[in-house]
Amino acid sequence: MKSKKITKAVTLFLMAVLAISLIYVFFTQREIDDGTIYIRLGHDQPVNNERHIALVKFEELVEERSDGKIQVEIYPNGLLGTAAVLLESVSFNDMEMVSTSSTSQFGSLISVFELPYLFDTYQDAWSVLDGEIGREVADYYLKDNLKLIAYYENGFRQITSNRVIHSPDDLNGLKIRTPEFPISIRTFNALGANPTPMGFSELYTALQQGTVDAQENPVANAYTNKFQEVQRYMIMSNHQYMPQHLHISNEFFEGLDPEYQKIILDAAQEGADYHRQLLRENEARMIAELEEDGMEIIEVDMEQFSALVDPVYEWFAGLHGEEIIERIRQANKP
């Protein structure tokens, strides 16, 4: 009986080794075998989120225009790790692409676009992101092998809570989950809340168990992750605009033929435009459905909130200077 158990254990071990070997070959040798170029693209949202839908659009454009010579494999919902882990994998050239909300672990310059109440409209934000300033900020991360090829949409962030919030006073002491981004934490400190950073994958359970009482995210993230099941109110604070960054390993990218590079760059920007339009078309519907599910939508006077965030600007200017902030403000003037 003992020998049978040993034999079974050895068999399972050998099968595991074989599986790992096959995965290694699948992910590292396919280009050598058949000439096809494979791109693994990871992100942390579910497949019904507009982010995933827009990335599928990018996939379709790349595969169609390359006649199938480039195949994009999308891994949603954090299947290959958290956003931070995925970004690091791309930086190390262990993975080809990632879609993430933050690149701040490699430097906080990109957080300039997330300064609270910097942008009044989506059009203001897109104009800056797709222009000279957006390109300058993107190029900063090439030193870490991160080539930011397009700014996808995350949108304006709103607060959801189990506490009624009409003014900044109502935020006092509120235990609110924020991303693990310094600028998000500082924003809610300035507003008087008690920011509690944690990974997105932990958030629903934390709300359900009362570990935190509130969170802040764009409408689409709240909707597709069913936060209305564990939150009573959505407060339309518009406190931050946040783009979604689409990165590709620069080492991988530079190894591609120029024809393929252009296909990827063009498809990335078209996917970003598609994502922006998709979210704008769907956001009103999502808010209406959240209301139907019992979530109360609260409109607030945003000037009361924006009056409190100067310390965040002072912190950022201390790191990167005031010039880039002023350039963005000037770009937004009519």
C-alpha atoms as a PDB file:
ATOM      1  CA  MET A   1       0.000   0.000   0.000  1.00  0.00           C
ATOM      2  CA  LYS A   2       2.844   2.335   0.894  1.00  0.00           C
ATOM      3  CA  SER A   3       4.591   1.732  -2.447  1.00  0.00           C
ATOM      4  CA  LYS A   4       1.370   2.544  -4.306  1.00  0.00           C
ATOM      5  CA  LYS A   5       1.146   5.874  -2.464  1.00  0.00           C
ATOM      6  CA  ILE A   6       4.764   6.632  -3.313  1.00  0.00           C
ATOM      7  CA  THR A   7       4.153   5.702  -6.952  1.00  0.00           C
ATOM      8  CA  LYS A   8       1.092   7.934  -7.070  1.00  0.00           C
ATOM      9  CA  ALA A   9       3.014  10.827  -5.514  1.00  0.00           C
ATOM     10  CA  VAL A  10       5.844  10.413  -8.009  1.00  0.00           C
ATOM     11  CA  THR A  11       3.330  10.282 -10.874  1.00  0.00           C
ATOM     12  CA  LEU A  12       1.629  13.486  -9.695  1.00  0.00           C
ATOM     13  CA  PHE A  13       5.017  15.159  -9.318  1.00  0.00           C
ATOM     14  CA  LEU A  14       6.056  14.181 -12.830  1.00  0.00           C
ATOM     15  CA  MET A  15       2.725  15.401 -14.213  1.00  0.00           C
ATOM     16  CA  ALA A  16       3.224  18.740 -12.456  1.00  0.00           C
ATOM     17  CA  VAL A  17       6.737  19.049 -13.886  1.00  0.00           C
ATOM     18  CA  LEU A  18       5.390  18.233 -17.346  1.00  0.00           C
ATOM     19  CA  ALA A  19       2.630  20.830 -17.013  1.00  0.00           C
ATOM     20  CA  ILE A  20       5.110  23.496 -15.936  1.00  0.00           C
ATOM     21  CA  SER A  21       7.384  22.562 -18.825  1.00  0.00           C
ATOM     22  CA  LEU A  22       4.523  22.824 -21.300  1.00  0.00           C
ATOM     23  CA  ILE A  23       3.536  26.236 -19.912  1.00  0.00           C
ATOM     24  CA  TYR A  24       7.132  27.395 -20.246  1.00  0.00           C
ATOM     25  CA  VAL A  25       7.282  26.227 -23.839  1.00  0.00           C
ATOM     26  CA  PHE A  26       3.853  27.711 -24.572  1.00  0.00           C
ATOM     27  CA  PHE A  27       4.864  31.135 -23.323  1.00  0.00           C
ATOM     28  CA  THR A  28       8.500  31.294 -24.431  1.00  0.00           C
ATOM     29  CA  GLN A  29       8.959  29.199 -27.546  1.00  0.00           C
ATOM     30  CA  ARG A  30       5.887  29.747 -29.694  1.00  0.00           C
ATOM     31  CA  GLU A  31       7.428  32.535 -31.753  1.00  0.00           C
ATOM     32  CA  ILE A  32      10.342  30.223 -32.590  1.00  0.00           C
ATOM     33  CA  ASP A  33       7.987  27.378 -33.462  1.00  0.00           C
ATOM     34  CA  ASP A  34       5.547  29.057 -35.848  1.00  0.00           C
ATOM     35  CA  GLY A  35       6.567  32.702 -36.247  1.00  0.00           C
ATOM     36  CA  THR A  36       3.522  34.000 -34.371  1.00  0.00           C
ATOM     37  CA  ILE A  37       4.166  36.779 -31.878  1.00  0.00           C
ATOM     38  CA  TYR A  38       2.197  36.409 -28.647  1.00  0.00           C
ATOM     39  CA  ILE A  39       1.368  39.305 -26.352  1.00  0.00           C
ATOM     40  CA  ARG A  40       0.097  38.626 -22.836  1.00  0.00           C
ATOM     41  CA  LEU A  41      -1.929  41.562 -21.486  1.00  0.00           C
ATOM     42  CA  GLY A  42      -3.084  41.585 -17.864  1.00  0.00           C
ATOM     43  CA  HIS A  43      -5.481  43.788 -15.905  1.00  0.00           C
ATOM     44  CA  ASP A  44      -7.519  43.604 -12.680  1.00  0.00           C
ATOM     45  CA  GLN A  45     -11.143  44.155 -13.768  1.00  0.00           C
ATOM     46  CA  PRO A  46     -13.860  41.587 -14.647  1.00  0.00           C
ATOM     47  CA  VAL A  47     -14.771  40.744 -18.229  1.00  0.00           C
ATOM     48  CA  ASN A  48     -17.996  42.794 -18.120  1.00  0.00           C
ATOM     49  CA  ASN A  49     -16.065  45.972 -17.288  1.00  0.00           C
ATOM     50  CA  GLU A  50     -15.656  48.445 -20.140  1.00  0.00           C
ATOM     51  CA  ARG A  51     -11.893  48.295 -19.645  1.00  0.00           C
ATOM     52  CA  HIS A  52     -11.829  44.645 -20.651  1.00  0.00           C
ATOM     53  CA  ILE A  53     -14.213  45.298 -23.534  1.00  0.00           C
ATOM     54  CA  ALA A  54     -11.923  48.068 -24.847  1.00  0.00           C
ATOM     55  CA  LEU A  55      -8.871  45.826 -24.530  1.00  0.00           C
ATOM     56  CA  VAL A  56     -10.684  43.168 -26.541  1.00  0.00           C
ATOM     57  CA  LYS A  57     -11.169  45.862 -29.192  1.00  0.00           C
ATOM     58  CA  PHE A  58      -7.399  46.472 -29.127  1.00  0.00           C
ATOM     59  CA  GLU A  59      -6.830  42.720 -29.457  1.00  0.00           C
ATOM     60  CA  GLU A  60      -9.138  42.455 -32.460  1.00  0.00           C
ATOM     61  CA  LEU A  61      -7.512  45.406 -34.247  1.00  0.00           C
ATOM     62  CA  VAL A  62      -3.991  44.064 -33.726  1.00  0.00           C
ATOM     63  CA  GLU A  63      -4.824  40.550 -34.840  1.00  0.00           C
ATOM     64  CA  GLU A  64      -6.789  41.709 -37.885  1.00  0.00           C
ATOM     65  CA  ARG A  65      -4.170  44.193 -39.086  1.00  0.00           C
ATOM     66  CA  SER A  66      -1.293  41.772 -38.560  1.00  0.00           C
ATOM     67  CA  ASP A  67      -3.158  38.987 -40.401  1.00  0.00           C
ATOM     68  CA  GLY A  68      -2.965  36.935 -37.229  1.00  0.00           C
ATOM     69  CA  LYS A  69       0.831  37.200 -37.001  1.00  0.00           C
ATOM     70  CA  ILE A  70       0.366  38.918 -33.617  1.00  0.00           C
ATOM     71  CA  GLN A  71      -1.916  37.228 -31.097  1.00  0.00           C
ATOM     72  CA  VAL A  72      -3.027  39.103 -27.973  1.00  0.00           C
ATOM     73  CA  GLU A  73      -3.979  37.038 -24.921  1.00  0.00           C
ATOM     74  CA  ILE A  74      -5.914  39.032 -22.306  1.00  0.00           C
ATOM     75  CA  TYR A  75      -5.855  37.965 -18.660  1.00  0.00           C
ATOM     76  CA  PRO A  76      -8.584  39.867 -16.739  1.00  0.00           C
ATOM     77  CA  ASN A  77      -9.599  39.993 -13.095  1.00  0.00           C
ATOM     78  CA  GLY A  78      -6.054  39.848 -11.709  1.00  0.00           C
ATOM     79  CA  LEU A  79      -5.538  36.283 -12.942  1.00  0.00           C
ATOM     80  CA  LEU A  80      -1.796  36.846 -13.287  1.00  0.00           C
ATOM     81  CA  GLY A  81      -1.432  39.061 -10.215  1.00  0.00           C
ATOM     82  CA  THR A  82      -2.291  42.475  -8.835  1.00  0.00           C
ATOM     83  CA  ALA A  83      -1.803  45.602 -10.927  1.00  0.00           C
ATOM     84  CA  ALA A  84       1.493  46.278  -9.131  1.00  0.00           C
ATOM     85  CA  VAL A  85       2.751  42.755  -9.813  1.00  0.00           C
ATOM     86  CA  LEU A  86       1.721  42.916 -13.473  1.00  0.00           C
ATOM     87  CA  LEU A  87       3.435  46.263 -13.945  1.00  0.00           C
ATOM     88  CA  GLU A  88       6.625  44.941 -12.394  1.00  0.00           C
ATOM     89  CA  SER A  89       6.490  41.883 -14.670  1.00  0.00           C
ATOM     90  CA  VAL A  90       6.325  44.141 -17.728  1.00  0.00           C
ATOM     91  CA  SER A  91       9.150  46.290 -16.374  1.00  0.00           C
ATOM     92  CA  PHE A  92      11.297  43.146 -16.037  1.00  0.00           C
ATOM     93  CA  ASN A  93      10.232  42.001 -19.531  1.00  0.00           C
ATOM     94  CA  ASP A  94       8.688  38.868 -18.023  1.00  0.00           C
ATOM     95  CA  MET A  95       5.339  39.869 -19.546  1.00  0.00           C
ATOM     96  CA  GLU A  96       4.488  41.983 -22.566  1.00  0.00           C
ATOM     97  CA  MET A  97       1.639  44.339 -21.588  1.00  0.00           C
ATOM     98  CA  VAL A  98      -0.438  45.633 -18.690  1.00  0.00           C
ATOM     99  CA  SER A  99      -3.382  47.973 -18.258  1.00  0.00           C
ATOM    100  CA  THR A 100      -3.183  49.708 -14.878  1.00  0.00           C
ATOM    101  CA  SER A 101      -4.378  52.779 -13.009  1.00  0.00           C
ATOM    102  CA  SER A 102      -0.996  53.574 -11.559  1.00  0.00           C
ATOM    103  CA  THR A 103       2.663  53.620 -12.461  1.00  0.00           C
ATOM    104  CA  SER A 104       3.596  55.440  -9.255  1.00  0.00           C
ATOM    105  CA  GLN A 105       5.716  52.565  -7.920  1.00  0.00           C
ATOM    106  CA  PHE A 106       8.212  53.623 -10.607  1.00  0.00           C
ATOM    107  CA  GLY A 107       7.861  57.338  -9.893  1.00  0.00           C
ATOM    108  CA  SER A 108       5.009  59.705  -9.051  1.00  0.00           C
ATOM    109  CA  LEU A 109       5.219  62.091 -12.016  1.00  0.00           C
ATOM    110  CA  ILE A 110       2.235  60.449 -13.716  1.00  0.00           C
ATOM    111  CA  SER A 111       0.143  61.284 -10.650  1.00  0.00           C
ATOM    112  CA  VAL A 112      -0.037  64.865 -11.904  1.00  0.00           C
ATOM    113  CA  PHE A 113      -3.117  63.858 -13.910  1.00  0.00           C
ATOM    114  CA  GLU A 114      -4.748  62.623 -10.695  1.00  0.00           C
ATOM    115  CA  LEU A 115      -4.437  65.855  -8.732  1.00  0.00           C
ATOM    116  CA  PRO A 116      -7.853  66.514  -7.181  1.00  0.00           C
ATOM    117  CA  TYR A 117     -10.139  68.801  -9.160  1.00  0.00           C
ATOM    118  CA  LEU A 118      -7.467  69.467 -11.806  1.00  0.00           C
ATOM    119  CA  PHE A 119      -9.822  68.782 -14.727  1.00  0.00           C
ATOM    120  CA  ASP A 120     -13.368  70.079 -15.090  1.00  0.00           C
ATOM    121  CA  THR A 121     -14.390  67.925 -18.050  1.00  0.00           C
ATOM    122  CA  TYR A 122     -13.398  64.718 -19.807  1.00  0.00           C
ATOM    123  CA  GLN A 123     -12.462  66.710 -22.895  1.00  0.00           C
ATOM    124  CA  ASP A 124     -10.007  68.794 -20.860  1.00  0.00           C
ATOM    125  CA  ALA A 125      -8.335  65.638 -19.589  1.00  0.00           C
ATOM    126  CA  TRP A 126      -8.162  63.924 -22.979  1.00  0.00           C
ATOM    127  CA  SER A 127      -6.669  66.995 -24.635  1.00  0.00           C
ATOM    128  CA  VAL A 128      -3.793  67.007 -22.135  1.00  0.00           C
ATOM    129  CA  LEU A 129      -3.255  63.244 -22.141  1.00  0.00           C
ATOM    130  CA  ASP A 130      -3.145  62.957 -25.932  1.00  0.00           C
ATOM    131  CA  GLY A 131      -0.938  66.011 -26.333  1.00  0.00           C
ATOM    132  CA  GLU A 132       2.624  67.065 -25.589  1.00  0.00           C
ATOM    133  CA  ILE A 133       2.315  66.858 -21.797  1.00  0.00           C
ATOM    134  CA  GLY A 134       0.901  63.346 -21.893  1.00  0.00           C
ATOM    135  CA  ARG A 135       3.748  62.186 -24.121  1.00  0.00           C
ATOM    136  CA  GLU A 136       6.411  63.801 -21.917  1.00  0.00           C
ATOM    137  CA  VAL A 137       5.053  62.103 -18.823  1.00  0.00           C
ATOM    138  CA  ALA A 138       4.801  58.753 -20.609  1.00  0.00           C
ATOM    139  CA  ASP A 139       8.422  58.921 -21.768  1.00  0.00           C
ATOM    140  CA  TYR A 140       9.606  59.348 -18.169  1.00  0.00           C
ATOM    141  CA  TYR A 141       8.925  55.640 -17.562  1.00  0.00           C
ATOM    142  CA  LEU A 142      11.062  54.329 -20.411  1.00  0.00           C
ATOM    143  CA  LYS A 143      13.935  54.188 -17.921  1.00  0.00           C
ATOM    144  CA  ASP A 144      12.060  51.299 -16.282  1.00  0.00           C
ATOM    145  CA  ASN A 145      11.319  49.532 -19.599  1.00  0.00           C
ATOM    146  CA  LEU A 146       7.713  50.749 -19.488  1.00  0.00           C
ATOM    147  CA  LYS A 147       6.474  52.194 -22.766  1.00  0.00           C
ATOM    148  CA  LEU A 148       3.127  53.888 -22.138  1.00  0.00           C
ATOM    149  CA  ILE A 149       1.416  53.683 -25.519  1.00  0.00           C
ATOM    150  CA  ALA A 150      -2.065  55.040 -24.758  1.00  0.00           C
ATOM    151  CA  TYR A 151      -4.139  56.542 -21.988  1.00  0.00           C
ATOM    152  CA  TYR A 152      -7.330  54.533 -21.616  1.00  0.00           C
ATOM    153  CA  GLU A 153     -10.203  55.674 -19.434  1.00  0.00           C
ATOM    154  CA  ASN A 154     -10.778  55.280 -15.731  1.00  0.00           C
ATOM    155  CA  GLY A 155     -12.830  58.418 -15.432  1.00  0.00           C
ATOM    156  CA  PHE A 156     -13.822  60.728 -12.623  1.00  0.00           C
ATOM    157  CA  ARG A 157     -13.855  59.039  -9.251  1.00  0.00           C
ATOM    158  CA  GLN A 158     -16.896  59.068  -6.974  1.00  0.00           C
ATOM    159  CA  ILE A 159     -17.380  58.068  -3.342  1.00  0.00           C
ATOM    160  CA  THR A 160     -19.659  55.231  -2.253  1.00  0.00           C
ATOM    161  CA  SER A 161     -20.506  54.939   1.419  1.00  0.00           C
ATOM    162  CA  ASN A 162     -22.865  53.613   4.048  1.00  0.00           C
ATOM    163  CA  ARG A 163     -22.902  57.126   5.519  1.00  0.00           C
ATOM    164  CA  VAL A 164     -24.794  60.051   4.016  1.00  0.00           C
ATOM    165  CA  ILE A 165     -22.298  62.609   2.698  1.00  0.00           C
ATOM    166  CA  HIS A 166     -23.326  66.100   1.624  1.00  0.00           C
ATOM    167  CA  SER A 167     -20.251  68.130   2.576  1.00  0.00           C
ATOM    168  CA  PRO A 168     -16.601  67.608   3.579  1.00  0.00           C
ATOM    169  CA  ASP A 169     -17.687  67.701   7.239  1.00  0.00           C
ATOM    170  CA  ASP A 170     -19.478  64.408   6.656  1.00  0.00           C
ATOM    171  CA  LEU A 171     -16.158  62.804   5.702  1.00  0.00           C
ATOM    172  CA  ASN A 172     -14.569  63.463   9.089  1.00  0.00           C
ATOM    173  CA  GLY A 173     -13.125  60.207  10.404  1.00  0.00           C
ATOM    174  CA  LEU A 174     -14.743  58.125   7.652  1.00  0.00           C
ATOM    175  CA  LYS A 175     -12.765  54.936   7.095  1.00  0.00           C
ATOM    176  CA  ILE A 176     -12.533  54.908   3.320  1.00  0.00           C
ATOM    177  CA  ARG A 177     -10.602  52.496   1.145  1.00  0.00           C
ATOM    178  CA  THR A 178      -8.313  54.164  -1.357  1.00  0.00           C
ATOM    179  CA  PRO A 179      -5.868  52.658  -3.836  1.00  0.00           C
ATOM    180  CA  GLU A 180      -2.335  52.275  -2.559  1.00  0.00           C
ATOM    181  CA  PHE A 181      -1.386  55.542  -4.291  1.00  0.00           C
ATOM    182  CA  PRO A 182       0.180  58.397  -2.294  1.00  0.00           C
ATOM    183  CA  ILE A 183      -1.901  61.030  -4.076  1.00  0.00           C
ATOM    184  CA  SER A 184      -5.185  59.260  -3.259  1.00  0.00           C
ATOM    185  CA  ILE A 185      -4.222  58.877   0.380  1.00  0.00           C
ATOM    186  CA  ARG A 186      -3.188  62.537   0.640  1.00  0.00           C
ATOM    187  CA  THR A 187      -6.388  63.687  -1.049  1.00  0.00           C
ATOM    188  CA  PHE A 188      -8.598  62.033   1.530  1.00  0.00           C
ATOM    189  CA  ASN A 189      -6.384  63.128   4.389  1.00  0.00           C
ATOM    190  CA  ALA A 190      -6.879  66.682   3.135  1.00  0.00           C
ATOM    191  CA  LEU A 191     -10.649  66.127   2.994  1.00  0.00           C
ATOM    192  CA  GLY A 192     -10.674  64.951   6.617  1.00  0.00           C
ATOM    193  CA  ALA A 193     -11.354  61.247   6.061  1.00  0.00           C
ATOM    194  CA  ASN A 194      -9.403  58.255   7.338  1.00  0.00           C
ATOM    195  CA  PRO A 195      -7.964  56.709   4.137  1.00  0.00           C
ATOM    196  CA  THR A 196      -7.275  52.981   4.312  1.00  0.00           C
ATOM    197  CA  PRO A 197      -5.239  51.768   1.325  1.00  0.00           C
ATOM    198  CA  MET A 198      -5.707  48.198   0.120  1.00  0.00           C
ATOM    199  CA  GLY A 199      -5.685  46.208  -3.104  1.00  0.00           C
ATOM    200  CA  PHE A 200      -8.789  46.284  -5.280  1.00  0.00           C
ATOM    201  CA  SER A 201      -9.246  42.500  -5.062  1.00  0.00           C
ATOM    202  CA  GLU A 202      -9.781  42.825  -1.297  1.00  0.00           C
ATOM    203  CA  LEU A 203     -12.274  45.664  -1.504  1.00  0.00           C
ATOM    204  CA  TYR A 204     -15.672  43.961  -1.849  1.00  0.00           C
ATOM    205  CA  THR A 205     -15.001  41.707   1.135  1.00  0.00           C
ATOM    206  CA  ALA A 206     -13.700  44.650   3.185  1.00  0.00           C
ATOM    207  CA  LEU A 207     -16.936  46.560   2.495  1.00  0.00           C
ATOM    208  CA  GLN A 208     -19.050  43.496   3.194  1.00  0.00           C
ATOM    209  CA  GLN A 209     -17.359  42.838   6.537  1.00  0.00           C
ATOM    210  CA  GLY A 210     -17.247  46.490   7.577  1.00  0.00           C
ATOM    211  CA  THR A 211     -13.466  46.689   7.575  1.00  0.00           C
ATOM    212  CA  VAL A 212     -14.005  49.972   5.735  1.00  0.00           C
ATOM    213  CA  ASP A 213     -17.218  52.007   5.507  1.00  0.00           C
ATOM    214  CA  ALA A 214     -16.644  53.598   2.124  1.00  0.00           C
ATOM    215  CA  GLN A 215     -14.585  53.503  -1.049  1.00  0.00           C
ATOM    216  CA  GLU A 216     -13.973  55.685  -4.104  1.00  0.00           C
ATOM    217  CA  ASN A 217     -13.866  54.604  -7.741  1.00  0.00           C
ATOM    218  CA  PRO A 218     -15.256  55.544 -11.131  1.00  0.00           C
ATOM    219  CA  VAL A 219     -18.904  54.609 -11.659  1.00  0.00           C
ATOM    220  CA  ALA A 220     -18.047  51.698 -13.972  1.00  0.00           C
ATOM    221  CA  ASN A 221     -15.868  50.010 -11.350  1.00  0.00           C
ATOM    222  CA  ALA A 222     -18.553  50.341  -8.695  1.00  0.00           C
ATOM    223  CA  TYR A 223     -21.193  49.032 -11.099  1.00  0.00           C
ATOM    224  CA  THR A 224     -19.377  46.036 -12.554  1.00  0.00           C
ATOM    225  CA  ASN A 225     -18.120  44.938  -9.134  1.00  0.00           C
ATOM    226  CA  LYS A 226     -21.628  45.209  -7.606  1.00  0.00           C
ATOM    227  CA  PHE A 227     -20.732  47.595  -4.791  1.00  0.00           C
ATOM    228  CA  GLN A 228     -24.420  48.480  -4.512  1.00  0.00           C
ATOM    229  CA  GLU A 229     -24.786  45.173  -2.663  1.00  0.00           C
ATOM    230  CA  VAL A 230     -22.630  46.485   0.192  1.00  0.00           C
ATOM    231  CA  GLN A 231     -22.967  50.301  -0.109  1.00  0.00           C
ATOM    232  CA  ARG A 232     -26.043  52.500   0.282  1.00  0.00           C
ATOM    233  CA  TYR A 233     -24.948  55.819  -1.221  1.00  0.00           C
ATOM    234  CA  MET A 234     -22.987  57.088  -4.214  1.00  0.00           C
ATOM    235  CA  ILE A 235     -21.692  60.612  -3.765  1.00  0.00           C
ATOM    236  CA  MET A 236     -20.949  62.368  -7.073  1.00  0.00           C
ATOM    237  CA  SER A 237     -17.817  64.117  -5.834  1.00  0.00           C
ATOM    238  CA  ASN A 238     -15.767  63.992  -9.085  1.00  0.00           C
ATOM    239  CA  HIS A 239     -12.773  64.414  -6.791  1.00  0.00           C
ATOM    240  CA  GLN A 240     -10.161  62.980  -9.174  1.00  0.00           C
ATOM    241  CA  TYR A 241      -9.852  62.209 -12.847  1.00  0.00           C
ATOM    242  CA  MET A 242      -7.796  59.082 -13.384  1.00  0.00           C
ATOM    243  CA  PRO A 243      -6.630  57.676 -16.705  1.00  0.00           C
ATOM    244  CA  GLN A 244      -5.832  54.036 -17.341  1.00  0.00           C
ATOM    245  CA  HIS A 245      -2.296  53.443 -18.578  1.00  0.00           C
ATOM    246  CA  LEU A 246      -1.593  50.875 -21.279  1.00  0.00           C
ATOM    247  CA  HIS A 247       2.044  49.804 -21.063  1.00  0.00           C
ATOM    248  CA  ILE A 248       4.142  47.513 -23.209  1.00  0.00           C
ATOM    249  CA  SER A 249       7.624  46.259 -22.409  1.00  0.00           C
ATOM    250  CA  ASN A 250       9.913  48.608 -24.314  1.00  0.00           C
ATOM    251  CA  GLU A 251      12.470  45.835 -24.808  1.00  0.00           C
ATOM    252  CA  PHE A 252       9.801  43.634 -26.376  1.00  0.00           C
ATOM    253  CA  PHE A 253       8.428  46.528 -28.451  1.00  0.00           C
ATOM    254  CA  GLU A 254      11.830  47.544 -29.822  1.00  0.00           C
ATOM    255  CA  GLY A 255      12.388  43.970 -30.940  1.00  0.00           C
ATOM    256  CA  LEU A 256       9.364  44.097 -33.259  1.00  0.00           C
ATOM    257  CA  ASP A 257       9.400  45.044 -36.930  1.00  0.00           C
ATOM    258  CA  PRO A 258       8.412  48.718 -37.500  1.00  0.00           C
ATOM    259  CA  GLU A 259       5.265  47.531 -39.286  1.00  0.00           C
ATOM    260  CA  TYR A 260       4.141  45.657 -36.188  1.00  0.00           C
ATOM    261  CA  GLN A 261       5.073  48.552 -33.919  1.00  0.00           C
ATOM    262  CA  LYS A 262       2.787  50.857 -35.890  1.00  0.00           C
ATOM    263  CA  ILE A 263      -0.064  48.342 -35.777  1.00  0.00           C
ATOM    264  CA  ILE A 264       0.196  48.150 -31.989  1.00  0.00           C
ATOM    265  CA  LEU A 265       0.457  51.922 -31.488  1.00  0.00           C
ATOM    266  CA  ASP A 266      -2.466  52.713 -33.781  1.00  0.00           C
ATOM    267  CA  ALA A 267      -4.649  49.996 -32.267  1.00  0.00           C
ATOM    268  CA  ALA A 268      -3.802  51.173 -28.749  1.00  0.00           C
ATOM    269  CA  GLN A 269      -4.977  54.729 -29.420  1.00  0.00           C
ATOM    270  CA  GLU A 270      -8.101  53.549 -31.243  1.00  0.00           C
ATOM    271  CA  GLY A 271      -8.853  51.288 -28.303  1.00  0.00           C
ATOM    272  CA  ALA A 272      -8.446  54.245 -25.937  1.00  0.00           C
ATOM    273  CA  ASP A 273     -10.855  56.381 -27.980  1.00  0.00           C
ATOM    274  CA  TYR A 274     -13.310  53.492 -28.050  1.00  0.00           C
ATOM    275  CA  HIS A 275     -13.021  53.034 -24.266  1.00  0.00           C
ATOM    276  CA  ARG A 276     -13.694  56.703 -23.585  1.00  0.00           C
ATOM    277  CA  GLN A 277     -16.758  56.772 -25.799  1.00  0.00           C
ATOM    278  CA  LEU A 278     -18.059  53.493 -24.406  1.00  0.00           C
ATOM    279  CA  LEU A 279     -17.908  54.728 -20.835  1.00  0.00           C
ATOM    280  CA  ARG A 280     -19.552  58.044 -21.655  1.00  0.00           C
ATOM    281  CA  GLU A 281     -22.404  56.221 -23.408  1.00  0.00           C
ATOM    282  CA  ASN A 282     -22.890  53.730 -20.571  1.00  0.00           C
ATOM    283  CA  GLU A 283     -22.332  55.802 -17.440  1.00  0.00           C
ATOM    284  CA  ALA A 284     -25.852  57.282 -17.210  1.00  0.00           C
ATOM    285  CA  ARG A 285     -27.348  53.814 -17.686  1.00  0.00           C
ATOM    286  CA  MET A 286     -25.107  52.382 -14.962  1.00  0.00           C
ATOM    287  CA  ILE A 287     -26.097  55.110 -12.503  1.00  0.00           C
ATOM    288  CA  ALA A 288     -29.779  54.497 -13.247  1.00  0.00           C
ATOM    289  CA  GLU A 289     -29.351  50.760 -12.647  1.00  0.00           C
ATOM    290  CA  LEU A 290     -27.505  51.395  -9.391  1.00  0.00           C
ATOM    291  CA  GLU A 291     -30.489  53.479  -8.280  1.00  0.00           C
ATOM    292  CA  GLU A 292     -32.877  50.701  -9.302  1.00  0.00           C
ATOM    293  CA  ASP A 293     -30.860  48.344  -7.122  1.00  0.00           C
ATOM    294  CA  GLY A 294     -31.409  50.627  -4.125  1.00  0.00           C
ATOM    295  CA  MET A 295     -28.343  52.875  -4.135  1.00  0.00           C
ATOM    296  CA  GLU A 296     -29.107  56.536  -3.458  1.00  0.00           C
ATOM    297  CA  ILE A 297     -27.243  59.038  -5.673  1.00  0.00           C
ATOM    298  CA  ILE A 298     -26.177  62.249  -3.899  1.00  0.00           C
ATOM    299  CA  GLU A 299     -25.057  65.377  -5.767  1.00  0.00           C
ATOM    300  CA  VAL A 300     -22.729  67.686  -3.823  1.00  0.00           C
ATOM    301  CA  ASP A 301     -21.241  71.167  -4.142  1.00  0.00           C
ATOM    302  CA  MET A 302     -17.781  70.227  -5.414  1.00  0.00           C
ATOM    303  CA  GLU A 303     -16.353  73.680  -4.619  1.00  0.00           C
ATOM    304  CA  GLN A 304     -16.638  72.877  -0.906  1.00  0.00           C
ATOM    305  CA  PHE A 305     -14.399  69.843  -1.478  1.00  0.00           C
ATOM    306  CA  SER A 306     -11.944  71.442  -3.918  1.00  0.00           C
ATOM    307  CA  ALA A 307     -11.291  74.278  -1.440  1.00  0.00           C
ATOM    308  CA  LEU A 308      -9.542  71.805   0.887  1.00  0.00           C
ATOM    309  CA  VAL A 309      -7.053  70.101  -1.414  1.00  0.00           C
ATOM    310  CA  ASP A 310      -4.260  72.709  -1.662  1.00  0.00           C
ATOM    311  CA  PRO A 311      -1.959  70.579   0.555  1.00  0.00           C
ATOM    312  CA  VAL A 312      -1.990  67.866  -2.130  1.00  0.00           C
ATOM    313  CA  TYR A 313      -0.797  70.346  -4.752  1.00  0.00           C
ATOM    314  CA  GLU A 314       1.899  71.626  -2.409  1.00  0.00           C
ATOM    315  CA  TRP A 315       3.141  68.066  -1.825  1.00  0.00           C
ATOM    316  CA  PHE A 316       3.262  67.303  -5.546  1.00  0.00           C
ATOM    317  CA  ALA A 317       4.963  70.601  -6.394  1.00  0.00           C
ATOM    318  CA  GLY A 318       7.589  69.828  -3.769  1.00  0.00           C
ATOM    319  CA  LEU A 319       8.452  66.658  -5.696  1.00  0.00           C
ATOM    320  CA  HIS A 320       8.101  67.766  -9.316  1.00  0.00           C
ATOM    321  CA  GLY A 321       7.786  71.540  -9.325  1.00  0.00           C
ATOM    322  CA  GLU A 322       4.821  73.735 -10.162  1.00  0.00           C
ATOM    323  CA  GLU A 323       5.597  74.164 -13.867  1.00  0.00           C
ATOM    324  CA  ILE A 324       3.834  71.020 -15.092  1.00  0.00           C
ATOM    325  CA  ILE A 325       0.749  71.825 -13.011  1.00  0.00           C
ATOM    326  CA  GLU A 326       0.619  75.334 -14.441  1.00  0.00           C
ATOM    327  CA  ARG A 327       1.072  74.010 -17.999  1.00  0.00           C
ATOM    328  CA  ILE A 328      -1.940  71.760 -17.543  1.00  0.00           C
ATOM    329  CA  ARG A 329      -4.003  74.596 -16.135  1.00  0.00           C
ATOM    330  CA  GLN A 330      -3.054  76.820 -19.058  1.00  0.00           C
ATOM    331  CA  ALA A 331      -3.906  74.044 -21.518  1.00  0.00           C
ATOM    332  CA  ASN A 332      -7.379  73.820 -19.965  1.00  0.00           C
ATOM    333  CA  LYS A 333      -8.130  77.496 -20.392  1.00  0.00           C
ATOM    334  CA  PRO A 334     -10.532  78.339 -23.227  1.00  0.00           C
END
